[in-house]
Protein backbone atom coordinates (compact mmCIF):
# COMPACT_ATOMS: atom_id res chain seq x y z
CA MET A 1 50.99 -0.90 -1.56
CA PRO A 2 50.70 -2.74 -4.90
CA PRO A 3 50.43 -0.46 -7.97
CA PRO A 4 47.04 0.41 -9.49
CA GLY A 5 45.85 -2.33 -11.82
CA CYS A 6 47.46 -5.09 -9.78
CA PRO A 7 44.86 -7.53 -8.39
CA ALA A 8 46.20 -6.87 -4.89
CA HIS A 9 45.78 -3.11 -5.13
CA GLY A 10 43.35 -1.85 -2.50
CA MET A 11 43.79 -4.87 -0.22
CA THR A 12 44.90 -4.93 3.39
CA GLN A 13 47.52 -7.31 4.70
CA ASN A 14 44.82 -9.78 5.72
CA GLY A 15 43.48 -9.82 2.16
CA LEU A 16 40.36 -7.68 2.62
CA VAL A 17 39.50 -5.24 -0.15
CA ARG A 18 39.29 -1.53 0.66
CA LEU A 19 36.42 -0.27 -1.47
CA PRO A 20 37.66 3.35 -1.68
CA GLU A 21 40.91 2.16 -3.27
CA ILE A 22 39.74 -0.22 -5.98
CA THR A 23 40.67 0.84 -9.53
CA ASP A 24 39.09 -2.00 -11.51
CA PRO A 25 35.66 -2.63 -9.96
CA ALA A 26 34.47 -5.41 -12.28
CA ARG A 27 37.69 -7.38 -11.81
CA THR A 28 37.58 -6.82 -8.05
CA TYR A 29 33.96 -7.98 -7.77
CA GLU A 30 34.65 -11.18 -9.66
CA GLY A 31 37.74 -11.82 -7.56
CA LEU A 32 35.64 -11.44 -4.41
CA ARG A 33 32.99 -13.76 -5.84
CA GLN A 34 35.56 -16.46 -6.60
CA GLN A 35 37.17 -16.16 -3.17
CA TYR A 36 34.11 -15.79 -0.93
CA GLY A 37 31.01 -16.64 -2.95
CA PRO A 38 27.92 -14.43 -3.20
CA VAL A 39 28.67 -12.43 -0.01
CA ALA A 40 32.17 -11.10 0.76
CA PRO A 41 33.80 -9.14 3.60
CA VAL A 42 35.20 -5.72 2.60
CA LEU A 43 36.47 -2.53 4.25
CA LEU A 44 35.04 0.97 3.88
CA HIS A 45 36.62 4.36 4.58
CA GLY A 46 38.56 4.21 7.84
CA ASP A 47 38.86 0.42 7.48
CA ILE A 48 35.35 -0.06 8.85
CA PRO A 49 34.16 -3.60 7.99
CA ALA A 50 31.09 -4.32 5.90
CA TRP A 51 29.66 -7.10 3.73
CA MET A 52 29.47 -6.85 -0.06
CA VAL A 53 26.45 -8.72 -1.46
CA LEU A 54 27.47 -9.92 -4.94
CA GLY A 55 24.90 -12.58 -5.86
CA TYR A 56 21.68 -11.78 -7.73
CA ARG A 57 19.50 -14.01 -5.53
CA GLU A 58 21.18 -12.77 -2.36
CA ASN A 59 20.61 -9.14 -3.36
CA LEU A 60 16.94 -9.84 -3.98
CA GLU A 61 16.67 -11.59 -0.61
CA VAL A 62 18.13 -8.59 1.19
CA MET A 63 16.04 -6.07 -0.77
CA ARG A 64 12.79 -7.94 -0.18
CA THR A 65 13.23 -8.82 3.50
CA PRO A 66 13.18 -5.56 5.50
CA LYS A 67 12.44 -7.38 8.75
CA LEU A 68 15.88 -9.01 8.57
CA PHE A 69 17.73 -6.31 6.64
CA SER A 70 16.57 -2.84 7.65
CA ARG A 71 17.24 0.51 6.01
CA ASP A 72 17.58 2.19 9.43
CA SER A 73 21.27 3.07 9.64
CA ARG A 74 20.98 3.80 13.35
CA LEU A 75 21.25 0.03 13.80
CA TRP A 76 24.83 0.03 12.47
CA ASN A 77 27.18 -1.32 15.10
CA ALA A 78 29.91 1.01 13.83
CA PHE A 79 27.69 3.98 14.76
CA ILE A 80 26.75 2.47 18.10
CA GLU A 81 30.44 1.88 18.92
CA ASN A 82 31.43 5.42 17.75
CA ARG A 83 33.79 4.15 15.06
CA VAL A 84 32.57 6.55 12.35
CA PRO A 85 33.87 10.13 12.71
CA ALA A 86 31.47 12.98 12.02
CA ASP A 87 33.52 14.12 9.02
CA SER A 88 33.73 10.65 7.44
CA PRO A 89 33.09 10.59 3.67
CA LEU A 90 30.53 7.90 4.44
CA MET A 91 28.24 10.24 6.33
CA PRO A 92 26.33 11.92 3.45
CA MET A 93 25.22 8.50 2.24
CA VAL A 94 24.75 6.45 5.45
CA ALA A 95 24.00 8.89 8.28
CA TRP A 96 20.36 8.46 9.33
CA GLN A 97 18.04 11.15 8.00
CA PRO A 98 14.26 11.53 8.05
CA LEU A 99 13.99 9.91 4.62
CA CYS A 100 11.95 7.08 3.17
CA VAL A 101 15.23 5.33 2.26
CA PHE A 102 16.10 5.09 5.96
CA ALA A 103 12.64 3.92 7.05
CA ASP A 104 10.65 0.69 7.01
CA GLY A 105 7.03 -0.26 7.48
CA GLU A 106 4.35 2.40 7.99
CA GLU A 107 6.81 5.28 8.25
CA HIS A 108 8.37 4.24 4.96
CA ALA A 109 4.94 4.07 3.32
CA ARG A 110 4.06 7.58 4.57
CA LEU A 111 7.24 9.20 3.31
CA ARG A 112 7.53 7.25 0.06
CA GLY A 113 3.89 7.94 -0.77
CA ALA A 114 4.55 11.67 -0.81
CA VAL A 115 7.51 11.25 -3.19
CA VAL A 116 5.61 8.90 -5.52
CA ASP A 117 2.63 11.27 -5.70
CA GLY A 118 4.94 14.22 -6.29
CA LEU A 119 6.76 12.55 -9.15
CA ALA A 120 3.53 11.31 -10.74
CA GLN A 121 2.61 14.83 -11.87
CA PHE A 122 5.42 14.86 -14.45
CA ASN A 123 4.21 13.27 -17.67
CA ARG A 124 6.49 12.08 -20.45
CA ARG A 125 5.36 14.81 -22.85
CA GLY A 126 6.33 17.49 -20.37
CA MET A 127 9.64 15.76 -19.69
CA ARG A 128 10.49 15.78 -23.40
CA LYS A 129 9.94 19.55 -23.50
CA TYR A 130 12.43 20.07 -20.70
CA VAL A 131 15.04 17.71 -22.12
CA THR A 132 14.76 19.01 -25.68
CA HIS A 133 14.99 22.61 -24.52
CA TYR A 134 18.11 22.08 -22.42
CA THR A 135 19.78 19.78 -24.95
CA ARG A 136 19.57 22.54 -27.55
CA GLN A 137 20.90 25.13 -25.12
CA LEU A 138 23.83 22.93 -24.12
CA VAL A 139 24.71 22.18 -27.74
CA ALA A 140 24.53 25.88 -28.51
CA GLY A 141 27.07 26.45 -25.77
CA PHE A 142 29.70 23.91 -26.85
CA SER A 143 29.24 23.34 -30.59
CA ARG A 144 30.95 26.36 -32.15
CA ASP A 145 34.40 24.79 -32.63
CA GLY A 146 33.15 21.28 -33.49
CA THR A 147 34.56 19.56 -30.38
CA ALA A 148 33.18 18.64 -26.97
CA ASP A 149 33.55 16.30 -24.03
CA LEU A 150 30.17 14.58 -23.85
CA VAL A 151 30.61 13.76 -20.17
CA ARG A 152 31.57 17.21 -18.88
CA ASP A 153 29.65 19.28 -21.45
CA TYR A 154 26.52 17.16 -21.77
CA ALA A 155 25.97 14.08 -19.58
CA GLU A 156 26.77 15.90 -16.33
CA PRO A 157 24.82 19.15 -16.78
CA LEU A 158 21.72 17.92 -18.66
CA PRO A 159 20.09 15.85 -15.87
CA MET A 160 20.74 18.58 -13.30
CA LEU A 161 19.19 21.28 -15.50
CA VAL A 162 16.08 19.15 -15.94
CA VAL A 163 15.73 17.72 -12.44
CA SER A 164 16.39 21.03 -10.66
CA ARG A 165 13.50 22.58 -12.63
CA LEU A 166 11.22 19.66 -11.73
CA LEU A 167 12.03 20.30 -8.09
CA GLY A 168 11.02 23.94 -8.51
CA MET A 169 14.35 25.78 -8.72
CA THR A 170 15.03 28.82 -10.86
CA PRO A 171 17.17 28.19 -13.98
CA ASP A 172 20.32 29.68 -12.47
CA LYS A 173 20.54 27.11 -9.66
CA GLY A 174 20.99 23.94 -11.71
CA PRO A 175 24.49 24.66 -13.10
CA LEU A 176 25.73 25.56 -9.61
CA LEU A 177 24.71 22.18 -8.18
CA VAL A 178 26.34 19.85 -10.72
CA GLU A 179 29.76 19.56 -9.08
CA PRO A 180 28.60 19.52 -5.41
CA THR A 181 26.10 16.77 -6.20
CA LEU A 182 28.71 14.66 -7.98
CA ASP A 183 31.20 15.25 -5.18
CA LEU A 184 29.02 14.19 -2.28
CA VAL A 185 28.51 10.77 -3.92
CA ARG A 186 32.23 10.25 -4.59
CA GLY A 187 33.02 9.86 -0.91
CA SER A 188 35.75 12.49 -1.18
CA GLU A 189 37.20 14.51 1.68
CA THR A 190 34.97 17.41 0.63
CA ALA A 191 31.77 15.33 0.46
CA ALA A 192 30.38 16.74 3.71
CA ALA A 193 30.96 20.34 2.58
CA SER A 194 29.35 19.62 -0.81
CA ASN A 195 26.39 18.05 0.95
CA ALA A 196 26.00 21.23 3.03
CA VAL A 197 25.92 23.36 -0.13
CA VAL A 198 23.17 21.26 -1.71
CA THR A 199 21.17 21.16 1.52
CA GLN A 200 21.29 24.95 1.93
CA VAL A 201 19.99 25.53 -1.59
CA LEU A 202 17.11 23.17 -0.91
CA GLN A 203 16.30 24.78 2.44
CA ASP A 204 16.06 28.13 0.68
CA LEU A 205 13.86 26.57 -1.99
CA VAL A 206 11.41 25.14 0.57
CA ALA A 207 11.18 28.47 2.40
CA TYR A 208 10.35 30.20 -0.90
CA LYS A 209 7.84 27.59 -2.10
CA LYS A 210 5.86 27.86 1.13
CA THR A 211 4.97 31.40 0.06
CA ALA A 212 4.90 30.90 -3.73
CA PRO A 213 3.89 27.31 -4.58
CA GLY A 214 3.93 26.03 -8.14
CA ASP A 215 3.66 22.89 -10.28
CA ASP A 216 6.80 21.30 -8.90
CA LEU A 217 7.98 18.57 -6.55
CA ALA A 218 8.88 20.94 -3.70
CA SER A 219 5.38 22.41 -3.62
CA ARG A 220 3.76 18.97 -3.86
CA LEU A 221 5.75 17.64 -0.92
CA ILE A 222 4.98 20.73 1.17
CA MET A 223 1.22 20.39 0.55
CA HIS A 224 1.00 16.58 0.62
CA GLU A 225 -1.49 14.95 2.94
CA SER A 226 1.33 13.01 4.58
CA GLN A 227 2.16 16.29 6.36
CA LEU A 228 5.92 16.16 5.96
CA THR A 229 7.96 18.44 8.17
CA ASP A 230 10.22 21.05 6.56
CA THR A 231 13.22 18.84 7.32
CA GLU A 232 11.54 15.84 5.71
CA VAL A 233 10.70 17.90 2.61
CA VAL A 234 14.30 19.13 2.29
CA GLU A 235 15.78 15.66 2.74
CA HIS A 236 13.46 14.07 0.17
CA LEU A 237 14.26 16.80 -2.34
CA ARG A 238 17.97 16.16 -1.73
CA MET A 239 17.48 12.42 -2.15
CA THR A 240 15.59 12.93 -5.43
CA LEU A 241 18.12 15.44 -6.74
CA VAL A 242 21.17 13.30 -5.96
CA ALA A 243 19.70 9.99 -7.12
CA ALA A 244 18.13 11.34 -10.33
CA HIS A 245 21.20 13.35 -11.26
CA GLN A 246 23.90 10.78 -10.49
CA GLY A 247 21.96 7.88 -11.96
CA THR A 248 21.05 9.66 -15.18
CA VAL A 249 24.55 11.10 -15.71
CA ASN A 250 25.99 7.60 -15.64
CA LEU A 251 23.23 6.13 -17.81
CA ILE A 252 23.78 8.77 -20.51
CA ALA A 253 27.58 8.49 -20.36
CA HIS A 254 27.63 4.68 -20.59
CA THR A 255 25.11 4.65 -23.46
CA LEU A 256 26.95 7.32 -25.47
CA ARG A 257 30.21 5.42 -25.04
CA LEU A 258 28.62 2.29 -26.53
CA ILE A 259 27.08 4.24 -29.41
CA LEU A 260 30.45 5.76 -30.24
CA THR A 261 32.59 2.63 -29.84
CA ASP A 262 30.57 -0.56 -30.28
CA ARG A 263 29.56 -1.42 -33.86
CA ARG A 264 27.47 -4.37 -32.75
CA PHE A 265 25.54 -2.15 -30.36
CA ARG A 266 24.99 0.43 -33.11
CA GLY A 267 24.07 -2.29 -35.59
CA ASN A 268 21.38 -3.70 -33.30
CA LEU A 269 19.92 -0.22 -32.92
CA SER A 270 20.03 0.61 -36.63
CA GLY A 271 18.74 -2.76 -37.74
CA GLY A 272 15.70 -2.62 -35.49
CA GLN A 273 16.76 -5.52 -33.28
CA MET A 274 16.95 -3.03 -30.42
CA THR A 275 15.22 0.29 -29.76
CA LEU A 276 16.86 3.10 -27.81
CA PRO A 277 14.76 2.25 -24.72
CA ASP A 278 15.96 -1.37 -25.13
CA ALA A 279 19.52 -0.06 -25.33
CA LEU A 280 19.09 1.80 -22.05
CA GLU A 281 17.88 -1.38 -20.35
CA GLN A 282 20.90 -3.26 -21.73
CA VAL A 283 23.17 -0.58 -20.26
CA MET A 284 21.40 -0.89 -16.91
CA TRP A 285 22.16 -4.61 -16.98
CA ASP A 286 25.82 -4.23 -17.92
CA ASN A 287 26.73 -0.88 -16.34
CA PRO A 288 24.16 0.09 -13.68
CA SER A 289 24.30 3.78 -12.85
CA ILE A 290 24.75 3.13 -9.14
CA ALA A 291 27.11 0.17 -8.91
CA THR A 292 26.80 -0.27 -5.15
CA ILE A 293 23.98 0.74 -2.82
CA PRO A 294 24.68 1.42 0.86
CA GLY A 295 23.03 -0.26 2.47
CA ARG A 296 21.07 -2.55 4.70
CA TRP A 297 21.64 -3.27 8.37
CA ALA A 298 21.01 -6.68 9.93
CA THR A 299 18.30 -6.57 12.59
CA SER A 300 19.55 -9.81 14.18
CA ASP A 301 22.22 -12.45 13.71
CA THR A 302 21.57 -14.29 10.46
CA THR A 303 23.21 -16.15 7.60
CA ILE A 304 23.19 -15.26 3.91
CA GLY A 305 25.38 -16.49 1.07
CA GLY A 306 27.20 -18.79 3.46
CA GLN A 307 28.37 -15.89 5.67
CA HIS A 308 27.44 -15.31 9.28
CA ILE A 309 26.08 -11.77 9.60
CA ARG A 310 26.00 -10.18 13.06
CA LYS A 311 23.23 -7.91 14.28
CA GLY A 312 24.07 -4.35 13.25
CA ASP A 313 26.41 -5.32 10.40
CA LEU A 314 26.27 -3.19 7.23
CA LEU A 315 25.54 -4.90 3.90
CA MET A 316 26.52 -3.14 0.68
CA LEU A 317 24.33 -4.18 -2.26
CA CYS A 318 26.61 -4.60 -5.27
CA ILE A 319 24.22 -4.17 -8.20
CA ALA A 320 27.04 -4.26 -10.77
CA ALA A 321 28.08 -7.74 -9.61
CA ALA A 322 24.52 -9.03 -9.18
CA ASN A 323 23.53 -8.08 -12.73
CA VAL A 324 26.35 -10.22 -14.17
CA ASP A 325 26.00 -13.10 -11.71
CA PRO A 326 26.92 -16.27 -13.67
CA GLU A 327 23.90 -18.05 -12.17
CA GLN A 328 21.64 -15.38 -13.68
CA ARG A 329 23.57 -14.64 -16.89
CA PRO A 330 25.91 -17.50 -17.82
CA ASP A 331 26.54 -15.90 -21.23
CA LEU A 332 26.95 -12.13 -21.04
CA SER A 333 26.91 -11.81 -24.83
CA VAL A 334 23.22 -12.74 -24.95
CA PRO A 335 21.22 -9.46 -25.24
CA MET A 336 18.67 -8.66 -22.54
CA HIS A 337 16.24 -6.76 -24.80
CA GLY A 338 12.93 -6.06 -23.09
CA ASN A 339 14.10 -7.64 -19.84
CA ARG A 340 13.65 -5.25 -16.91
CA SER A 341 14.53 -7.71 -14.16
CA HIS A 342 17.92 -6.09 -13.62
CA LEU A 343 18.56 -4.57 -10.20
CA ALA A 344 19.77 -1.18 -11.42
CA LEU A 345 16.74 0.45 -9.78
CA SER A 346 16.79 -1.89 -6.77
CA ALA A 347 13.76 -4.07 -5.93
CA GLY A 348 11.26 -4.65 -3.15
CA PRO A 349 9.74 -1.85 -1.06
CA HIS A 350 12.69 0.48 -1.73
CA GLU A 351 12.70 0.18 -5.52
CA CYS A 352 13.52 3.55 -7.09
CA PRO A 353 10.27 5.48 -7.68
CA GLY A 354 11.83 7.80 -10.28
CA GLY A 355 13.27 5.29 -12.73
CA ASP A 356 11.04 6.40 -15.59
CA ILE A 357 12.19 10.01 -15.17
CA GLY A 358 15.82 8.97 -15.62
CA ARG A 359 14.89 6.84 -18.62
CA ALA A 360 12.96 9.73 -20.19
CA ILE A 361 15.86 12.17 -19.77
CA ALA A 362 18.38 9.72 -21.21
CA ASP A 363 16.17 8.51 -24.05
CA THR A 364 15.15 11.97 -25.24
CA GLY A 365 18.53 13.55 -24.53
CA ILE A 366 20.56 11.02 -26.49
CA ASP A 367 18.17 10.96 -29.42
CA GLU A 368 18.03 14.76 -29.61
CA LEU A 369 21.79 15.15 -29.26
CA MET A 370 22.55 12.70 -32.03
CA SER A 371 19.94 14.27 -34.31
CA ILE A 372 21.55 17.70 -33.92
CA LEU A 373 25.10 16.33 -34.32
CA PRO A 374 24.65 13.29 -36.61
CA ASP A 375 28.29 13.01 -37.74
CA MET A 376 29.77 12.98 -34.25
CA THR A 377 32.80 10.68 -33.83
CA LEU A 378 35.13 9.84 -30.98
CA ALA A 379 38.18 12.11 -31.03
CA ILE A 380 40.52 9.65 -29.28
CA PRO A 381 41.17 5.91 -29.64
CA GLU A 382 38.66 3.82 -27.73
CA THR A 383 41.48 2.39 -25.61
CA GLU A 384 42.24 5.86 -24.25
CA ILE A 385 38.81 6.37 -22.69
CA GLY A 386 39.42 6.62 -18.96
CA VAL A 387 37.15 5.49 -16.15
CA THR A 388 35.96 7.44 -13.14
CA SER A 389 35.37 5.10 -10.21
CA SER A 390 34.20 5.75 -6.69
CA TRP A 391 33.05 3.42 -3.96
CA LEU A 392 29.50 3.67 -5.38
CA THR A 393 29.71 4.41 -9.11
CA THR A 394 31.73 3.81 -12.27
CA ARG A 395 31.46 5.64 -15.61
CA PRO A 396 33.57 6.95 -18.50
CA ASP A 397 35.84 9.75 -17.34
CA ALA A 398 35.53 11.70 -20.59
CA LEU A 399 34.14 11.23 -24.10
CA PRO A 400 35.96 13.69 -26.40
CA VAL A 401 34.19 13.97 -29.74
CA GLN A 402 34.44 15.96 -32.95
CA PHE A 403 31.64 16.93 -35.31
CA THR A 404 30.51 19.44 -37.90
CA PRO A 405 29.04 22.45 -36.07
CA PRO A 406 25.32 22.86 -36.84
CA ARG A 407 24.54 25.48 -39.48
CA SER A 408 22.10 27.20 -37.16
CA LEU A 409 20.57 26.73 -33.74
CA GLY A 410 18.02 29.49 -34.28
CA ASP A 411 17.68 31.84 -31.34
CA LEU A 412 18.89 29.26 -28.83
CA HIS A 413 22.51 30.43 -28.86
CA PRO A 414 23.05 31.91 -25.38
CA ALA A 415 24.33 35.46 -25.17
CA GLN A 416 28.06 35.88 -24.66
CA GLY A 417 28.86 35.12 -21.04
CA ALA A 418 25.27 34.19 -20.14
CA PRO A 419 24.60 30.94 -18.26
CA VAL A 420 23.44 28.12 -20.47
CA ALA A 421 20.20 27.62 -18.54
CA ALA A 422 19.23 31.28 -18.25
CA GLN A 423 16.03 31.19 -20.34
CA PRO A 424 12.65 30.48 -18.72
CA LEU A 425 10.90 27.22 -19.45
CA PRO A 426 7.19 26.35 -19.29
CA ALA A 427 6.15 23.97 -16.51
CA ALA A 428 6.33 20.30 -17.48
CA SER A 429 2.70 19.86 -16.51
CA ALA A 430 1.46 22.55 -18.94
CA PRO A 431 0.83 20.61 -22.18
CA ARG A 432 -0.84 23.55 -23.97
CA GLN A 433 2.35 25.59 -24.11
CA GLN A 434 3.90 25.78 -27.56
CA PRO A 435 7.26 24.02 -27.84
CA HIS A 436 10.41 26.00 -28.46
CA PRO A 437 11.42 26.54 -32.10
CA PRO A 438 13.08 23.47 -33.61
CA VAL A 439 16.76 23.42 -34.40
CA ALA A 440 17.42 24.34 -38.01
CA ALA A 441 18.97 21.49 -39.96
CA PRO A 442 19.99 20.65 -43.52
CA SER A 443 16.97 19.67 -45.62
CA ARG A 444 18.31 16.19 -46.30
CA ARG A 445 19.70 15.26 -42.91
CA ARG A 446 20.54 11.58 -42.79
CA SER A 447 19.36 9.36 -39.96
CA TRP A 448 21.99 9.56 -37.28
CA TRP A 449 21.92 5.77 -36.97
CA ARG A 450 22.81 5.45 -40.69
CA THR A 451 25.54 8.06 -40.32
CA LEU A 452 27.11 6.13 -37.47
CA LEU A 453 26.99 2.86 -39.36
CA SER A 454 28.52 4.28 -42.52
CA ARG A 455 31.79 5.22 -40.79
């Protein structure tokens, strides 16, 4: 086996790339594009073959043509031929479930409609209350000694604390679900066990909300006119939890890395050439939160990107490669401000319905964090920032920073030994509630953008 970093690392003897073993995704994707074109053969866990769709146009074609490329994983020839063991790390992401993401046509419309209606009740003002509240609590928990890892201490817990409350969970549940949710997406050997933990929590939540409904997604799905079964409610809550958490963690981590390391990026923000929402869209172009989406299954023999696809073949949609397709972006240095035609949220009938929730969490969370800790700097050389890669995602492994501890965080410091998210929070849909007390700050606090630029 070639060493990590070698272009041949993760390849079989016949030259096919094993996705679970790649260590440099961007380099691997471009190598596949040069060798095979916009669609390339790859191997998944257990050396099960699949197709990696790399081209922007080809990804759009697959996303927008459900009659040829279905979301129903029961069509997969590897399932039909019993080549996928029950404990495969693939199962949490590709095993058929009663979900809108595994349905097409009228059934997809019924299930997706319930999710869209459920998410529509959360307005941006309510979202900001949640994010601001939990940002201050997290900072109170890690800021005493003036150091933190922004991935472990902030990017990973914040989305879970917010999203778990939107689903209807009590504050103590969110922190417990961070690691299991991250693990089930990694495709690790413990992915199935982590998936079982998350599912059990959601089953308990649904049972409780049937007797005590509230202004939350679980209650909305239970009462929706689409008449979802209990299993359908649980699975759609799991889908929302996993997608919103994983996607937002990566979006926050990638954006904070750029803020801390890229002077041009900071300069565009400070100079007004780019707003923070623009910055998030640029990150979604260059580092989409979910690099690869599994998947689509061919409903019949067909051809795409010059490759012959057999009925039942699995196609992996490589968003990271599609967003930097030379045909779409010949010059990657040209900013994509205001351009939302990236594929980070997919496209077609299965486009992510919760994209604005992830944007709201990242936008508010980053702005609030940097306002509380305006002099934050990277504590290690930029070249030492590691990368966490899985078969589906890539993000900074850690972002160690140092800063001046805030003078006061009011009454938001958690009690010794208490969980960070232990305090109650008003429902996001209750705009008349008074916001929590603001964080105390020096009277002449400089703009955090100016502080960054002056270093």
